[in-house]
Amino acid sequence: MIDPHAIVSPRAELAADVSVGPFSIIGPDVTIGPRTVIGPHVVINGPTRIGADNHVFQFASLGDAPQDKKYRGEPTRLEIGERNVFRENTTVNRGTTHDHGVTRIGDDNLFMAYSHVAHDCTVGSNAVFANCAALGGHVEIGDWVILGGLTAVHQFTKIGAHAFLAGGAIVTRDVPPFVMVAGNPAVPHAVNSEGLKRRGFTAAQIRNIREAYRTVYRSDLRLIEALEQLDARAAEQPEVQLFAAFIRNSGRSIVR
């Protein structure tokens, strides 16, 4: 399953059914799980752990050193879950000692060509990174987030679950769950209702989220007053509780 033109370090651990294409390089301290396919001309450096059923296309670079001037060669890590797809020229860097020392990617994500995940980022599951979408360092991406082509997310920014970032968005503040943003700088436009329907949210849940969105973004209330109103609904509306908790815990402030 390993092409004779590939270079695999004797210190790498590959499951018996991993496929490695020609001219790919698998460095030391790399672990690759069952049924994962590594295409041609891929470079994977460690310490990196990759789970089962991933597919890495040609010219991708996973687990290389962080692009951080403060990095001094410390043994930081990249951890990747299962069933992810990394298309051509995708780059994912390891963490730094200025955070938890690890970049983490969950399951079932699609990283289209030229997308980039910087050091110390956390990406959930079922996210889609369209072509050339890029994360700065220390970014957190929730589950089911979609990043349009040429989207850029500023370092330390958090993107809530089910958010939608339109193509070319420049995101410099936190994006709450369920919200669609666009522009430079990115501003909120609506609730990602179509995406929520596809993922099984009920009409009542979507209506609750829209009401919460209007309370925060379309009323004349101060943010603290809007949160008080959301808190009153949160006990019976878990989706609103998620929305309100994210806003309350925002470190960079939310898009407005």
Protein backbone atom coordinates (compact mmCIF):
# COMPACT_ATOMS: atom_id res chain seq x y z
CA MET A 1 0.00 0.00 0.00
CA ILE A 2 3.09 2.26 0.14
CA ASP A 3 4.44 3.36 -3.23
CA PRO A 4 8.14 2.55 -3.65
CA HIS A 5 8.82 6.21 -4.47
CA ALA A 6 7.37 7.40 -1.12
CA ILE A 7 9.60 8.09 1.87
CA VAL A 8 8.25 6.86 5.21
CA SER A 9 10.27 7.35 8.38
CA PRO A 10 10.96 4.19 10.38
CA ARG A 11 9.69 6.20 13.36
CA ALA A 12 6.26 6.66 11.76
CA GLU A 13 3.40 4.28 12.61
CA LEU A 14 0.98 3.46 9.81
CA ALA A 15 -1.92 1.05 9.99
CA ALA A 16 -1.49 -1.96 7.71
CA ASP A 17 -4.05 -0.74 5.17
CA VAL A 18 -2.88 2.89 4.86
CA SER A 19 -2.16 3.91 1.26
CA VAL A 20 0.72 6.30 0.50
CA GLY A 21 1.19 7.67 -3.02
CA PRO A 22 4.42 8.30 -4.91
CA PHE A 23 6.83 11.00 -3.74
CA SER A 24 4.99 11.59 -0.48
CA ILE A 25 7.05 12.05 2.68
CA ILE A 26 5.88 10.79 6.07
CA GLY A 27 8.15 12.05 8.84
CA PRO A 28 8.97 10.68 12.28
CA ASP A 29 6.41 10.76 15.09
CA VAL A 30 3.51 10.50 12.64
CA THR A 31 0.69 8.04 13.38
CA ILE A 32 -1.88 7.28 10.65
CA GLY A 33 -5.02 5.24 11.28
CA PRO A 34 -6.74 2.53 9.23
CA ARG A 35 -7.96 3.01 5.66
CA THR A 36 -6.49 6.48 5.37
CA VAL A 37 -5.36 7.43 1.86
CA ILE A 38 -2.34 9.68 1.40
CA GLY A 39 -2.04 10.86 -2.19
CA PRO A 40 1.10 11.69 -4.14
CA HIS A 41 3.46 14.54 -3.21
CA VAL A 42 2.03 14.93 0.31
CA VAL A 43 4.24 15.97 3.25
CA ILE A 44 3.24 15.00 6.79
CA ASN A 45 5.55 15.92 9.66
CA GLY A 46 5.18 15.11 13.33
CA PRO A 47 4.33 14.91 16.05
CA THR A 48 1.05 14.30 14.20
CA ARG A 49 -1.76 11.81 14.82
CA ILE A 50 -4.27 11.11 12.04
CA GLY A 51 -7.30 8.89 12.60
CA ALA A 52 -9.13 6.46 10.33
CA ASP A 53 -10.64 6.94 6.87
CA ASN A 54 -9.05 10.29 6.06
CA HIS A 55 -8.13 11.26 2.50
CA VAL A 56 -5.24 13.62 1.83
CA PHE A 57 -4.85 14.83 -1.75
CA GLN A 58 -1.69 15.82 -3.58
CA PHE A 59 0.57 18.65 -2.40
CA ALA A 60 -1.10 18.98 0.99
CA SER A 61 1.16 19.74 3.99
CA LEU A 62 0.06 18.52 7.41
CA GLY A 63 1.80 18.87 10.75
CA ASP A 64 4.63 21.16 9.82
CA ALA A 65 6.06 23.80 12.14
CA PRO A 66 3.78 26.74 13.05
CA GLN A 67 4.23 29.99 11.18
CA ASP A 68 5.03 31.87 14.37
CA LYS A 69 8.22 33.90 14.88
CA LYS A 70 8.21 32.94 18.57
CA TYR A 71 8.38 29.22 17.78
CA ARG A 72 11.71 27.67 18.74
CA GLY A 73 11.28 24.08 17.63
CA GLU A 74 9.34 22.77 20.62
CA PRO A 75 7.63 19.34 20.16
CA THR A 76 4.07 20.55 19.63
CA ARG A 77 1.35 18.43 18.00
CA LEU A 78 -1.35 18.12 15.36
CA GLU A 79 -4.31 15.83 16.06
CA ILE A 80 -6.78 14.91 13.30
CA GLY A 81 -9.93 12.82 13.75
CA GLU A 82 -11.67 10.58 11.24
CA ARG A 83 -13.17 10.84 7.74
CA ASN A 84 -11.69 14.23 6.91
CA VAL A 85 -10.82 15.26 3.36
CA PHE A 86 -7.85 17.54 2.69
CA ARG A 87 -7.81 18.68 -0.92
CA GLU A 88 -4.90 19.97 -2.97
CA ASN A 89 -2.41 22.36 -1.30
CA THR A 90 -4.21 22.42 2.05
CA THR A 91 -1.88 23.36 4.92
CA VAL A 92 -2.39 22.56 8.60
CA ASN A 93 0.26 23.57 11.16
CA ARG A 94 1.08 22.19 14.59
CA GLY A 95 0.48 24.16 17.80
CA THR A 96 2.81 26.38 19.81
CA THR A 97 3.86 26.53 23.44
CA HIS A 98 2.01 29.85 23.70
CA ASP A 99 -1.27 27.92 23.85
CA HIS A 100 -2.02 24.26 24.59
CA GLY A 101 0.67 23.11 22.18
CA VAL A 102 -1.75 21.37 19.82
CA THR A 103 -3.84 22.04 16.73
CA ARG A 104 -6.99 19.87 16.73
CA ILE A 105 -9.35 18.87 13.92
CA GLY A 106 -12.47 16.78 14.53
CA ASP A 107 -14.32 14.43 12.17
CA ASP A 108 -16.01 14.60 8.77
CA ASN A 109 -14.58 17.96 7.70
CA LEU A 110 -13.91 19.03 4.11
CA PHE A 111 -10.93 21.29 3.46
CA MET A 112 -11.01 22.43 -0.16
CA ALA A 113 -7.93 23.42 -2.16
CA TYR A 114 -5.53 25.96 -0.65
CA SER A 115 -7.36 26.20 2.67
CA HIS A 116 -5.19 26.88 5.73
CA VAL A 117 -5.48 26.02 9.42
CA ALA A 118 -2.89 27.86 11.49
CA HIS A 119 -1.22 26.88 14.76
CA ASP A 120 -3.28 26.22 17.89
CA CYS A 121 -6.62 26.22 16.06
CA THR A 122 -9.50 23.97 17.05
CA VAL A 123 -11.88 22.82 14.31
CA GLY A 124 -14.98 20.84 15.27
CA SER A 125 -16.75 18.33 13.03
CA ASN A 126 -18.70 18.52 9.77
CA ALA A 127 -17.21 21.89 8.80
CA VAL A 128 -16.59 22.95 5.21
CA PHE A 129 -13.67 25.17 4.24
CA ALA A 130 -14.15 26.37 0.65
CA ASN A 131 -11.15 27.17 -1.54
CA CYS A 132 -8.57 29.50 0.04
CA ALA A 133 -10.39 29.85 3.37
CA ALA A 134 -7.78 30.66 6.01
CA LEU A 135 -7.63 30.71 9.81
CA GLY A 136 -5.20 32.75 11.87
CA GLY A 137 -3.70 31.21 14.97
CA HIS A 138 -5.75 30.18 18.02
CA VAL A 139 -9.10 30.26 16.15
CA GLU A 140 -11.98 28.04 17.31
CA ILE A 141 -14.45 26.70 14.75
CA GLY A 142 -17.63 24.99 15.94
CA ASP A 143 -19.45 22.04 14.38
CA TRP A 144 -21.21 22.41 11.02
CA VAL A 145 -19.60 25.77 10.21
CA ILE A 146 -19.24 26.72 6.54
CA LEU A 147 -16.48 29.08 5.42
CA GLY A 148 -16.91 30.47 1.92
CA GLY A 149 -14.06 30.81 -0.53
CA LEU A 150 -11.36 33.38 0.33
CA THR A 151 -12.71 33.80 3.85
CA ALA A 152 -10.14 34.97 6.41
CA VAL A 153 -10.59 34.63 10.18
CA HIS A 154 -8.50 36.77 12.53
CA GLN A 155 -6.42 35.08 15.22
CA PHE A 156 -8.14 34.24 18.55
CA THR A 157 -11.59 34.55 16.94
CA LYS A 158 -14.36 32.04 17.75
CA ILE A 159 -17.01 30.89 15.27
CA GLY A 160 -20.10 29.25 16.77
CA ALA A 161 -21.77 26.06 15.57
CA HIS A 162 -23.86 26.22 12.37
CA ALA A 163 -22.53 29.66 11.44
CA PHE A 164 -22.11 30.56 7.77
CA LEU A 165 -19.29 32.83 6.58
CA ALA A 166 -19.94 34.13 3.08
CA GLY A 167 -17.23 34.08 0.43
CA GLY A 168 -14.59 36.75 0.93
CA ALA A 169 -15.66 37.57 4.49
CA ILE A 170 -12.97 39.12 6.68
CA VAL A 171 -13.89 38.04 10.21
CA THR A 172 -12.29 39.99 13.05
CA ARG A 173 -14.82 39.36 15.84
CA ASP A 174 -16.61 36.32 17.23
CA VAL A 175 -19.55 34.96 15.22
CA PRO A 176 -22.37 33.51 17.36
CA PRO A 177 -23.93 30.13 16.51
CA PHE A 178 -26.47 30.01 13.66
CA VAL A 179 -25.48 33.44 12.26
CA MET A 180 -24.63 34.30 8.64
CA VAL A 181 -21.99 36.99 8.12
CA ALA A 182 -20.51 38.68 5.06
CA GLY A 183 -18.29 41.58 4.08
CA ASN A 184 -15.06 43.30 5.10
CA PRO A 185 -15.22 43.58 8.00
CA ALA A 186 -17.83 40.84 8.32
CA VAL A 187 -21.23 41.89 9.69
CA PRO A 188 -24.30 39.78 10.52
CA HIS A 189 -26.98 39.41 7.86
CA ALA A 190 -29.43 36.74 9.02
CA VAL A 191 -29.88 33.33 10.61
CA ASN A 192 -28.52 30.34 8.68
CA SER A 193 -32.04 28.93 8.49
CA GLU A 194 -31.54 26.85 5.35
CA GLY A 195 -28.55 25.10 6.88
CA LEU A 196 -30.51 24.46 10.07
CA LYS A 197 -33.38 22.88 8.10
CA ARG A 198 -30.94 20.52 6.37
CA ARG A 199 -29.58 19.44 9.76
CA GLY A 200 -32.96 18.57 11.21
CA PHE A 201 -33.83 21.67 13.27
CA THR A 202 -37.59 21.98 13.67
CA ALA A 203 -39.61 24.98 12.52
CA ALA A 204 -40.14 25.93 16.17
CA GLN A 205 -36.42 25.80 16.93
CA ILE A 206 -35.59 27.96 13.93
CA ARG A 207 -38.30 30.42 14.94
CA ASN A 208 -36.78 30.61 18.44
CA ILE A 209 -33.33 31.28 16.98
CA ARG A 210 -34.69 34.00 14.70
CA GLU A 211 -36.39 35.68 17.65
CA ALA A 212 -33.13 35.54 19.61
CA TYR A 213 -31.27 37.01 16.63
CA ARG A 214 -33.75 39.87 16.34
CA THR A 215 -33.45 40.55 20.08
CA VAL A 216 -29.68 40.94 19.79
CA TYR A 217 -29.35 42.52 16.36
CA ARG A 218 -32.61 44.23 15.46
CA SER A 219 -33.87 45.71 18.73
CA ASP A 220 -32.71 48.92 20.38
CA LEU A 221 -31.64 47.04 23.49
CA ARG A 222 -28.15 47.18 24.90
CA LEU A 223 -26.39 43.83 24.69
CA ILE A 224 -26.73 43.18 28.41
CA GLU A 225 -30.47 43.89 28.20
CA ALA A 226 -30.83 41.59 25.19
CA LEU A 227 -29.04 38.81 27.07
CA GLU A 228 -31.43 39.19 29.99
CA GLN A 229 -34.33 38.59 27.62
CA LEU A 230 -32.61 35.55 26.12
CA ASP A 231 -31.91 34.12 29.56
CA ALA A 232 -35.63 34.21 30.32
CA ARG A 233 -36.28 31.93 27.32
CA ALA A 234 -33.20 29.72 27.58
CA ALA A 235 -34.56 27.23 30.13
CA GLU A 236 -37.18 25.99 27.66
CA GLN A 237 -35.22 26.70 24.47
CA PRO A 238 -31.78 24.98 24.47
CA GLU A 239 -30.89 26.49 21.11
CA VAL A 240 -31.33 29.98 22.57
CA GLN A 241 -29.28 28.98 25.60
CA LEU A 242 -26.40 28.03 23.26
CA PHE A 243 -26.73 31.34 21.43
CA ALA A 244 -26.77 33.40 24.64
CA ALA A 245 -23.94 31.48 26.31
CA PHE A 246 -21.66 32.02 23.34
CA ILE A 247 -22.29 35.77 23.35
CA ARG A 248 -21.76 36.01 27.09
CA ASN A 249 -18.42 34.15 26.86
CA SER A 250 -17.11 36.05 23.84
CA GLY A 251 -13.59 37.33 24.38
CA ARG A 252 -13.22 39.53 21.29
CA SER A 253 -16.81 40.82 21.25
CA ILE A 254 -19.30 39.64 18.65
CA VAL A 255 -19.87 40.84 15.11
CA ARG A 256 -22.33 43.74 15.12
